[in-house]
Amino acid sequence: MDIKDLVLQTLKENFTDSIIEITDFRNDLSITVKQEKLFELAKFLKENENLLFEMCKDVTAIDWATRKNRFTVVYHLYSFKLNFNLRLKSNLETEPYQIQSVTPIWQSANWYERETYDMYGIEFINHPDLRRMYMPEGFEYHPLRKDFPVLGIPESLPLPQKPE
């Protein structure tokens, strides 16, 4: 059995009604799941002895700006056992944009979730230390959102002076 088929079959057997979409583009598997089932599915992916996705390589988001589901949170997972990458996605439907933190499952998600919070303003519920990473704590904007001005917010942060 192909690795992709194993992953899909295992997930479909256990989470049929949680999966929204499966995409396989150029041998790159992405699974979109319901927001409320993400944590449970992520825990299953790590602990299932046939899969063992032991590593969270990255967490990021996509700002669709004008879609009903403005944000999609994307988790890049890796299984050493299968030597396989999996992209796990979840759409955020309503404000405030929040999703359950996967840091209790993968400690490596800690900084990735903080970065996503800082740049997009997405809150990760039950994150052990959710605070800004790049921007100052009092900065009220999120620079990777599509509605953030290209040249920044005038007078919000002083820019470095150009040498004469």
N, C-alpha and C. Protein backbone atom coordinates (compact mmCIF):
# COMPACT_ATOMS: atom_id res chain seq x y z
N MET A 1 0.84 -1.18 0.00
CA MET A 1 0.00 0.00 0.00
C MET A 1 0.88 1.24 0.00
N ASP A 2 0.56 2.19 -0.82
CA ASP A 2 1.24 3.47 -0.93
C ASP A 2 1.11 4.24 0.40
N ILE A 3 2.12 5.05 0.74
CA ILE A 3 2.11 5.80 2.00
C ILE A 3 0.92 6.76 2.06
N LYS A 4 0.67 7.45 0.96
CA LYS A 4 -0.47 8.38 0.93
C LYS A 4 -1.78 7.64 1.18
N ASP A 5 -1.91 6.49 0.57
CA ASP A 5 -3.13 5.70 0.75
C ASP A 5 -3.27 5.25 2.21
N LEU A 6 -2.15 4.87 2.82
CA LEU A 6 -2.17 4.47 4.22
C LEU A 6 -2.64 5.62 5.11
N VAL A 7 -2.07 6.81 4.88
CA VAL A 7 -2.45 7.99 5.67
C VAL A 7 -3.92 8.30 5.47
N LEU A 8 -4.36 8.36 4.23
CA LEU A 8 -5.76 8.69 3.94
C LEU A 8 -6.73 7.64 4.48
N GLN A 9 -6.42 6.39 4.29
CA GLN A 9 -7.30 5.32 4.77
C GLN A 9 -7.42 5.38 6.29
N THR A 10 -6.29 5.56 6.97
CA THR A 10 -6.30 5.63 8.44
C THR A 10 -7.13 6.80 8.93
N LEU A 11 -6.97 7.96 8.29
CA LEU A 11 -7.73 9.14 8.70
C LEU A 11 -9.21 9.00 8.38
N LYS A 12 -9.52 8.46 7.21
CA LYS A 12 -10.93 8.29 6.84
C LYS A 12 -11.65 7.31 7.76
N GLU A 13 -10.95 6.30 8.20
CA GLU A 13 -11.54 5.32 9.12
C GLU A 13 -11.87 5.93 10.48
N ASN A 14 -11.08 6.91 10.89
CA ASN A 14 -11.23 7.47 12.23
C ASN A 14 -11.84 8.87 12.28
N PHE A 15 -11.77 9.62 11.17
CA PHE A 15 -12.22 11.02 11.18
C PHE A 15 -13.00 11.39 9.93
N THR A 16 -13.85 10.49 9.45
CA THR A 16 -14.58 10.71 8.20
C THR A 16 -15.32 12.04 8.17
N ASP A 17 -16.08 12.34 9.22
CA ASP A 17 -16.89 13.56 9.21
C ASP A 17 -16.11 14.80 9.63
N SER A 18 -14.83 14.68 9.93
CA SER A 18 -14.00 15.83 10.30
C SER A 18 -13.23 16.39 9.11
N ILE A 19 -13.08 15.59 8.07
CA ILE A 19 -12.30 16.00 6.90
C ILE A 19 -13.17 16.78 5.93
N ILE A 20 -12.72 17.98 5.57
CA ILE A 20 -13.45 18.84 4.64
C ILE A 20 -12.97 18.63 3.21
N GLU A 21 -11.64 18.55 3.05
CA GLU A 21 -11.09 18.46 1.70
C GLU A 21 -9.75 17.73 1.74
N ILE A 22 -9.48 16.97 0.69
CA ILE A 22 -8.20 16.30 0.51
C ILE A 22 -7.65 16.76 -0.83
N THR A 23 -6.42 17.26 -0.82
CA THR A 23 -5.79 17.74 -2.04
C THR A 23 -4.46 17.03 -2.21
N ASP A 24 -4.23 16.52 -3.40
CA ASP A 24 -2.95 15.88 -3.73
C ASP A 24 -2.44 16.53 -5.00
N PHE A 25 -1.55 17.50 -4.85
CA PHE A 25 -1.01 18.23 -5.99
C PHE A 25 0.48 17.98 -6.08
N ARG A 26 0.91 17.41 -7.17
CA ARG A 26 2.33 17.11 -7.40
C ARG A 26 2.95 16.33 -6.25
N ASN A 27 2.23 15.31 -5.84
CA ASN A 27 2.69 14.41 -4.79
C ASN A 27 2.82 15.08 -3.42
N ASP A 28 2.04 16.14 -3.20
CA ASP A 28 2.06 16.89 -1.95
C ASP A 28 0.66 16.82 -1.34
N LEU A 29 0.50 16.06 -0.27
CA LEU A 29 -0.81 15.80 0.31
C LEU A 29 -1.20 16.86 1.33
N SER A 30 -2.39 17.44 1.14
CA SER A 30 -2.96 18.41 2.08
C SER A 30 -4.34 17.94 2.50
N ILE A 31 -4.60 18.04 3.80
CA ILE A 31 -5.91 17.64 4.33
C ILE A 31 -6.46 18.82 5.11
N THR A 32 -7.66 19.27 4.72
CA THR A 32 -8.33 20.35 5.44
C THR A 32 -9.36 19.72 6.37
N VAL A 33 -9.30 20.12 7.64
CA VAL A 33 -10.20 19.54 8.65
C VAL A 33 -11.00 20.64 9.34
N LYS A 34 -12.09 20.23 9.97
CA LYS A 34 -12.91 21.17 10.72
C LYS A 34 -12.10 21.73 11.88
N GLN A 35 -12.30 23.01 12.12
CA GLN A 35 -11.55 23.72 13.15
C GLN A 35 -11.68 23.06 14.53
N GLU A 36 -12.87 22.64 14.89
CA GLU A 36 -13.09 22.07 16.22
C GLU A 36 -12.51 20.66 16.38
N LYS A 37 -12.12 20.02 15.28
CA LYS A 37 -11.56 18.67 15.33
C LYS A 37 -10.05 18.64 15.11
N LEU A 38 -9.45 19.79 14.86
CA LEU A 38 -8.03 19.84 14.53
C LEU A 38 -7.15 19.25 15.63
N PHE A 39 -7.35 19.66 16.86
CA PHE A 39 -6.50 19.19 17.95
C PHE A 39 -6.58 17.68 18.10
N GLU A 40 -7.79 17.15 18.08
CA GLU A 40 -7.99 15.70 18.22
C GLU A 40 -7.33 14.93 17.08
N LEU A 41 -7.47 15.44 15.86
CA LEU A 41 -6.87 14.79 14.70
C LEU A 41 -5.33 14.88 14.76
N ALA A 42 -4.82 16.04 15.16
CA ALA A 42 -3.37 16.22 15.27
C ALA A 42 -2.78 15.26 16.31
N LYS A 43 -3.45 15.11 17.43
CA LYS A 43 -3.00 14.18 18.47
C LYS A 43 -3.00 12.74 17.94
N PHE A 44 -4.02 12.40 17.17
CA PHE A 44 -4.11 11.08 16.57
C PHE A 44 -2.95 10.85 15.60
N LEU A 45 -2.64 11.87 14.78
CA LEU A 45 -1.55 11.74 13.81
C LEU A 45 -0.21 11.48 14.50
N LYS A 46 -0.01 12.10 15.64
CA LYS A 46 1.26 11.90 16.35
C LYS A 46 1.31 10.54 17.04
N GLU A 47 0.20 10.11 17.63
CA GLU A 47 0.21 8.93 18.48
C GLU A 47 -0.11 7.63 17.77
N ASN A 48 -0.72 7.68 16.60
CA ASN A 48 -1.08 6.45 15.90
C ASN A 48 0.17 5.70 15.47
N GLU A 49 0.31 4.45 15.89
CA GLU A 49 1.54 3.70 15.65
C GLU A 49 1.81 3.41 14.17
N ASN A 50 0.79 3.51 13.33
CA ASN A 50 1.01 3.30 11.89
C ASN A 50 1.49 4.57 11.19
N LEU A 51 1.26 5.73 11.81
CA LEU A 51 1.59 7.00 11.16
C LEU A 51 2.78 7.71 11.83
N LEU A 52 2.66 7.97 13.11
CA LEU A 52 3.70 8.63 13.91
C LEU A 52 4.24 9.92 13.28
N PHE A 53 3.36 10.91 13.11
CA PHE A 53 3.82 12.23 12.67
C PHE A 53 4.38 12.94 13.90
N GLU A 54 5.67 12.71 14.14
CA GLU A 54 6.31 13.16 15.37
C GLU A 54 6.83 14.58 15.32
N MET A 55 6.83 15.19 14.15
CA MET A 55 7.45 16.51 14.03
C MET A 55 6.51 17.52 13.37
N CYS A 56 6.36 18.64 14.04
CA CYS A 56 5.67 19.78 13.45
C CYS A 56 6.76 20.71 12.94
N LYS A 57 6.91 20.78 11.61
CA LYS A 57 8.00 21.54 11.00
C LYS A 57 7.69 23.02 10.87
N ASP A 58 6.40 23.37 10.82
CA ASP A 58 6.04 24.77 10.64
C ASP A 58 4.55 24.95 10.88
N VAL A 59 4.19 26.15 11.31
CA VAL A 59 2.79 26.57 11.40
C VAL A 59 2.74 27.95 10.78
N THR A 60 1.80 28.14 9.89
CA THR A 60 1.63 29.45 9.27
C THR A 60 0.16 29.67 8.97
N ALA A 61 -0.14 30.73 8.28
CA ALA A 61 -1.54 31.02 7.93
C ALA A 61 -1.59 31.62 6.53
N ILE A 62 -2.79 31.58 5.96
CA ILE A 62 -3.05 32.22 4.68
C ILE A 62 -4.19 33.20 4.93
N ASP A 63 -4.00 34.44 4.50
CA ASP A 63 -5.05 35.45 4.59
C ASP A 63 -5.69 35.55 3.21
N TRP A 64 -6.91 35.06 3.10
CA TRP A 64 -7.62 35.08 1.81
C TRP A 64 -8.31 36.42 1.57
N ALA A 65 -8.33 37.28 2.55
CA ALA A 65 -8.86 38.65 2.50
C ALA A 65 -10.37 38.72 2.24
N THR A 66 -10.82 38.28 1.09
CA THR A 66 -12.22 38.49 0.73
C THR A 66 -13.09 37.25 0.82
N ARG A 67 -12.53 36.11 1.16
CA ARG A 67 -13.33 34.89 1.27
C ARG A 67 -14.12 34.87 2.58
N LYS A 68 -15.15 34.01 2.59
CA LYS A 68 -15.95 33.83 3.80
C LYS A 68 -15.06 33.38 4.96
N ASN A 69 -14.23 32.37 4.70
CA ASN A 69 -13.25 31.92 5.68
C ASN A 69 -11.97 32.70 5.43
N ARG A 70 -11.82 33.82 6.12
CA ARG A 70 -10.70 34.71 5.81
C ARG A 70 -9.34 34.05 5.98
N PHE A 71 -9.16 33.28 7.06
CA PHE A 71 -7.85 32.69 7.35
C PHE A 71 -7.89 31.16 7.27
N THR A 72 -6.78 30.60 6.83
CA THR A 72 -6.54 29.17 6.89
C THR A 72 -5.24 28.99 7.65
N VAL A 73 -5.27 28.21 8.72
CA VAL A 73 -4.05 27.89 9.47
C VAL A 73 -3.49 26.61 8.86
N VAL A 74 -2.17 26.59 8.62
CA VAL A 74 -1.53 25.48 7.93
C VAL A 74 -0.42 24.90 8.82
N TYR A 75 -0.48 23.58 9.03
CA TYR A 75 0.51 22.87 9.82
C TYR A 75 1.29 21.95 8.90
N HIS A 76 2.61 22.04 8.92
CA HIS A 76 3.47 21.16 8.13
C HIS A 76 4.02 20.09 9.07
N LEU A 77 3.62 18.85 8.83
CA LEU A 77 3.97 17.74 9.72
C LEU A 77 4.88 16.75 9.00
N TYR A 78 5.66 16.02 9.79
CA TYR A 78 6.57 15.04 9.19
C TYR A 78 6.57 13.75 10.02
N SER A 79 6.55 12.63 9.31
CA SER A 79 6.65 11.32 9.95
C SER A 79 8.01 10.72 9.60
N PHE A 80 8.85 10.50 10.61
CA PHE A 80 10.14 9.85 10.38
C PHE A 80 9.93 8.39 9.98
N LYS A 81 8.94 7.77 10.59
CA LYS A 81 8.66 6.37 10.31
C LYS A 81 8.31 6.16 8.84
N LEU A 82 7.49 7.04 8.29
CA LEU A 82 7.04 6.91 6.90
C LEU A 82 7.89 7.72 5.92
N ASN A 83 8.74 8.59 6.46
CA ASN A 83 9.50 9.53 5.63
C ASN A 83 8.54 10.28 4.72
N PHE A 84 7.56 10.93 5.37
CA PHE A 84 6.45 11.53 4.63
C PHE A 84 6.05 12.87 5.24
N ASN A 85 5.82 13.86 4.37
CA ASN A 85 5.33 15.19 4.77
C ASN A 85 3.83 15.25 4.58
N LEU A 86 3.16 15.93 5.49
CA LEU A 86 1.72 16.11 5.41
C LEU A 86 1.40 17.56 5.77
N ARG A 87 0.53 18.14 4.99
CA ARG A 87 0.07 19.50 5.28
C ARG A 87 -1.35 19.38 5.83
N LEU A 88 -1.54 19.85 7.06
CA LEU A 88 -2.84 19.82 7.73
C LEU A 88 -3.35 21.25 7.80
N LYS A 89 -4.58 21.47 7.30
CA LYS A 89 -5.13 22.83 7.25
C LYS A 89 -6.45 22.90 7.99
N SER A 90 -6.77 24.11 8.44
CA SER A 90 -8.06 24.36 9.06
C SER A 90 -8.47 25.79 8.79
N ASN A 91 -9.70 25.96 8.33
CA ASN A 91 -10.23 27.30 8.02
C ASN A 91 -10.82 27.92 9.27
N LEU A 92 -10.58 29.22 9.44
CA LEU A 92 -11.13 29.96 10.57
C LEU A 92 -12.29 30.79 10.02
N GLU A 93 -13.48 30.53 10.54
CA GLU A 93 -14.68 31.08 9.93
C GLU A 93 -15.14 32.40 10.51
N THR A 94 -14.96 32.62 11.80
CA THR A 94 -15.53 33.82 12.41
C THR A 94 -14.51 34.54 13.29
N GLU A 95 -14.75 35.83 13.47
CA GLU A 95 -13.94 36.61 14.41
C GLU A 95 -14.45 36.35 15.81
N PRO A 96 -13.65 36.38 16.83
CA PRO A 96 -12.20 36.49 16.77
C PRO A 96 -11.59 35.22 16.20
N TYR A 97 -10.55 35.39 15.41
CA TYR A 97 -9.91 34.25 14.74
C TYR A 97 -9.07 33.49 15.76
N GLN A 98 -9.56 32.31 16.13
CA GLN A 98 -8.92 31.49 17.17
C GLN A 98 -8.93 30.03 16.76
N ILE A 99 -7.92 29.31 17.25
CA ILE A 99 -7.85 27.86 17.04
C ILE A 99 -7.08 27.26 18.21
N GLN A 100 -7.34 26.02 18.50
CA GLN A 100 -6.68 25.33 19.60
C GLN A 100 -5.18 25.18 19.31
N SER A 101 -4.34 25.47 20.26
CA SER A 101 -2.90 25.32 20.11
C SER A 101 -2.53 23.84 20.06
N VAL A 102 -1.57 23.50 19.19
CA VAL A 102 -1.06 22.13 19.14
C VAL A 102 0.27 22.00 19.89
N THR A 103 0.65 23.03 20.62
CA THR A 103 1.89 22.99 21.40
C THR A 103 1.91 21.84 22.42
N PRO A 104 0.77 21.48 23.05
CA PRO A 104 0.82 20.31 23.94
C PRO A 104 1.14 19.01 23.19
N ILE A 105 0.91 18.97 21.89
CA ILE A 105 1.20 17.78 21.09
C ILE A 105 2.63 17.82 20.58
N TRP A 106 2.98 18.94 19.94
CA TRP A 106 4.34 19.14 19.41
C TRP A 106 4.91 20.40 20.04
N GLN A 107 5.90 20.26 20.88
CA GLN A 107 6.52 21.42 21.53
C GLN A 107 7.10 22.39 20.50
N SER A 108 7.52 21.86 19.36
CA SER A 108 8.11 22.72 18.32
C SER A 108 7.11 23.73 17.76
N ALA A 109 5.82 23.51 17.94
CA ALA A 109 4.81 24.44 17.43
C ALA A 109 4.77 25.75 18.22
N ASN A 110 5.40 25.78 19.37
CA ASN A 110 5.37 26.95 20.25
C ASN A 110 5.74 28.23 19.51
N TRP A 111 6.93 28.30 18.98
CA TRP A 111 7.38 29.53 18.32
C TRP A 111 6.66 29.77 17.01
N TYR A 112 6.31 28.72 16.30
CA TYR A 112 5.59 28.89 15.03
C TYR A 112 4.21 29.50 15.28
N GLU A 113 3.54 29.07 16.33
CA GLU A 113 2.24 29.65 16.65
C GLU A 113 2.39 31.09 17.13
N ARG A 114 3.44 31.38 17.86
CA ARG A 114 3.68 32.76 18.30
C ARG A 114 3.91 33.66 17.10
N GLU A 115 4.69 33.17 16.14
CA GLU A 115 4.96 33.95 14.93
C GLU A 115 3.66 34.19 14.14
N THR A 116 2.83 33.18 14.02
CA THR A 116 1.56 33.31 13.30
C THR A 116 0.64 34.28 14.03
N TYR A 117 0.63 34.23 15.34
CA TYR A 117 -0.15 35.19 16.14
C TYR A 117 0.35 36.61 15.89
N ASP A 118 1.64 36.80 15.92
CA ASP A 118 2.24 38.11 15.76
C ASP A 118 1.96 38.70 14.38
N MET A 119 2.11 37.89 13.34
CA MET A 119 1.99 38.39 11.97
C MET A 119 0.56 38.45 11.44
N TYR A 120 -0.32 37.56 11.93
CA TYR A 120 -1.70 37.50 11.41
C TYR A 120 -2.76 37.84 12.45
N GLY A 121 -2.43 37.80 13.73
CA GLY A 121 -3.41 38.09 14.77
C GLY A 121 -4.31 36.92 15.11
N ILE A 122 -3.92 35.71 14.73
CA ILE A 122 -4.71 34.52 15.04
C ILE A 122 -4.32 34.04 16.44
N GLU A 123 -5.32 33.89 17.31
CA GLU A 123 -5.06 33.45 18.68
C GLU A 123 -5.03 31.93 18.75
N PHE A 124 -4.07 31.40 19.47
CA PHE A 124 -3.97 29.96 19.69
C PHE A 124 -4.37 29.67 21.13
N ILE A 125 -5.57 29.10 21.28
CA ILE A 125 -6.16 28.84 22.60
C ILE A 125 -5.30 27.83 23.35
N ASN A 126 -5.05 28.11 24.61
CA ASN A 126 -4.25 27.27 25.52
C ASN A 126 -2.77 27.21 25.14
N HIS A 127 -2.30 28.21 24.41
CA HIS A 127 -0.86 28.29 24.13
C HIS A 127 -0.15 28.69 25.42
N PRO A 128 0.98 28.07 25.75
CA PRO A 128 1.63 28.34 27.04
C PRO A 128 2.24 29.74 27.17
N ASP A 129 2.52 30.43 26.07
CA ASP A 129 3.20 31.72 26.16
C ASP A 129 2.91 32.56 24.90
N LEU A 130 1.64 32.84 24.65
CA LEU A 130 1.27 33.56 23.43
C LEU A 130 1.51 35.05 23.59
N ARG A 131 2.58 35.51 22.98
CA ARG A 131 2.91 36.94 22.98
C ARG A 131 3.64 37.27 21.69
N ARG A 132 3.80 38.55 21.42
CA ARG A 132 4.42 39.00 20.19
C ARG A 132 5.86 38.52 20.13
N MET A 133 6.31 38.32 18.90
CA MET A 133 7.66 37.80 18.69
C MET A 133 8.56 38.82 18.00
N TYR A 134 8.02 39.48 16.99
CA TYR A 134 8.81 40.44 16.21
C TYR A 134 8.38 41.88 16.50
N MET A 135 7.09 42.09 16.58
CA MET A 135 6.56 43.43 16.76
C MET A 135 6.50 43.75 18.25
N PRO A 136 6.56 45.05 18.61
CA PRO A 136 6.48 45.42 20.03
C PRO A 136 5.13 44.99 20.62
N GLU A 137 5.11 44.72 21.90
CA GLU A 137 3.91 44.21 22.58
C GLU A 137 2.70 45.12 22.39
N GLY A 138 2.86 46.40 22.35
CA GLY A 138 1.73 47.32 22.21
C GLY A 138 1.30 47.59 20.78
N PHE A 139 1.98 47.03 19.81
CA PHE A 139 1.67 47.26 18.40
C PHE A 139 0.33 46.61 18.08
N GLU A 140 -0.60 47.39 17.57
CA GLU A 140 -1.97 46.88 17.41
C GLU A 140 -2.28 46.30 16.03
N TYR A 141 -1.29 46.22 15.16
CA TYR A 141 -1.52 45.72 13.81
C TYR A 141 -0.80 44.38 13.60
N HIS A 142 -1.13 43.74 12.48
CA HIS A 142 -0.52 42.45 12.14
C HIS A 142 -0.03 42.53 10.70
N PRO A 143 1.29 42.63 10.50
CA PRO A 143 1.88 42.98 9.21
C PRO A 143 1.63 42.03 8.03
N LEU A 144 1.29 40.76 8.25
CA LEU A 144 1.07 39.88 7.10
C LEU A 144 -0.39 39.77 6.69
N ARG A 145 -1.24 40.54 7.33
CA ARG A 145 -2.64 40.59 6.89
C ARG A 145 -2.72 41.39 5.59
N LYS A 146 -3.64 40.99 4.73
CA LYS A 146 -3.78 41.64 3.42
C LYS A 146 -4.20 43.10 3.54
N ASP A 147 -4.86 43.47 4.63
CA ASP A 147 -5.30 44.86 4.78
C ASP A 147 -4.24 45.76 5.41
N PHE A 148 -3.05 45.22 5.68
CA PHE A 148 -1.96 46.03 6.24
C PHE A 148 -1.33 46.83 5.10
N PRO A 149 -1.17 48.15 5.27
CA PRO A 149 -0.61 48.98 4.19
C PRO A 149 0.82 48.55 3.82
N VAL A 150 1.11 48.54 2.54
CA VAL A 150 2.41 48.11 2.03
C VAL A 150 3.55 48.92 2.65
N LEU A 151 3.35 50.20 2.81
CA LEU A 151 4.40 51.07 3.38
C LEU A 151 4.32 51.17 4.89
N GLY A 152 3.46 50.39 5.51
CA GLY A 152 3.34 50.42 6.96
C GLY A 152 2.36 51.49 7.43
N ILE A 153 2.20 51.59 8.72
CA ILE A 153 1.31 52.56 9.34
C ILE A 153 2.13 53.81 9.66
N PRO A 154 1.78 54.95 9.04
CA PRO A 154 2.55 56.17 9.32
C PRO A 154 2.57 56.49 10.82
N GLU A 155 3.74 56.85 11.31
CA GLU A 155 3.95 57.26 12.70
C GLU A 155 3.78 56.12 13.72
N SER A 156 3.59 54.86 13.28
CA SER A 156 3.39 53.80 14.25
C SER A 156 4.70 53.34 14.88
N LEU A 157 5.73 53.15 14.07
CA LEU A 157 7.04 52.78 14.56
C LEU A 157 8.07 53.62 13.83
N PRO A 158 9.03 54.17 14.55
CA PRO A 158 10.05 54.96 13.85
C PRO A 158 10.93 54.05 12.99
N LEU A 159 11.20 54.49 11.77
CA LEU A 159 12.08 53.74 10.88
C LEU A 159 13.51 54.17 11.10
N PRO A 160 14.48 53.31 10.82
CA PRO A 160 15.88 53.71 10.97
C PRO A 160 16.20 54.88 10.04
N GLN A 161 17.05 55.75 10.49
CA GLN A 161 17.44 56.89 9.69
C GLN A 161 18.42 56.46 8.61
N LYS A 162 18.29 57.05 7.42
CA LYS A 162 19.23 56.76 6.34
C LYS A 162 20.51 57.58 6.57
N PRO A 163 21.65 56.95 6.35
CA PRO A 163 22.89 57.73 6.47
C PRO A 163 22.94 58.75 5.33
N GLU A 164 23.43 59.92 5.64
CA GLU A 164 23.53 60.99 4.63
C GLU A 164 24.62 60.73 3.65
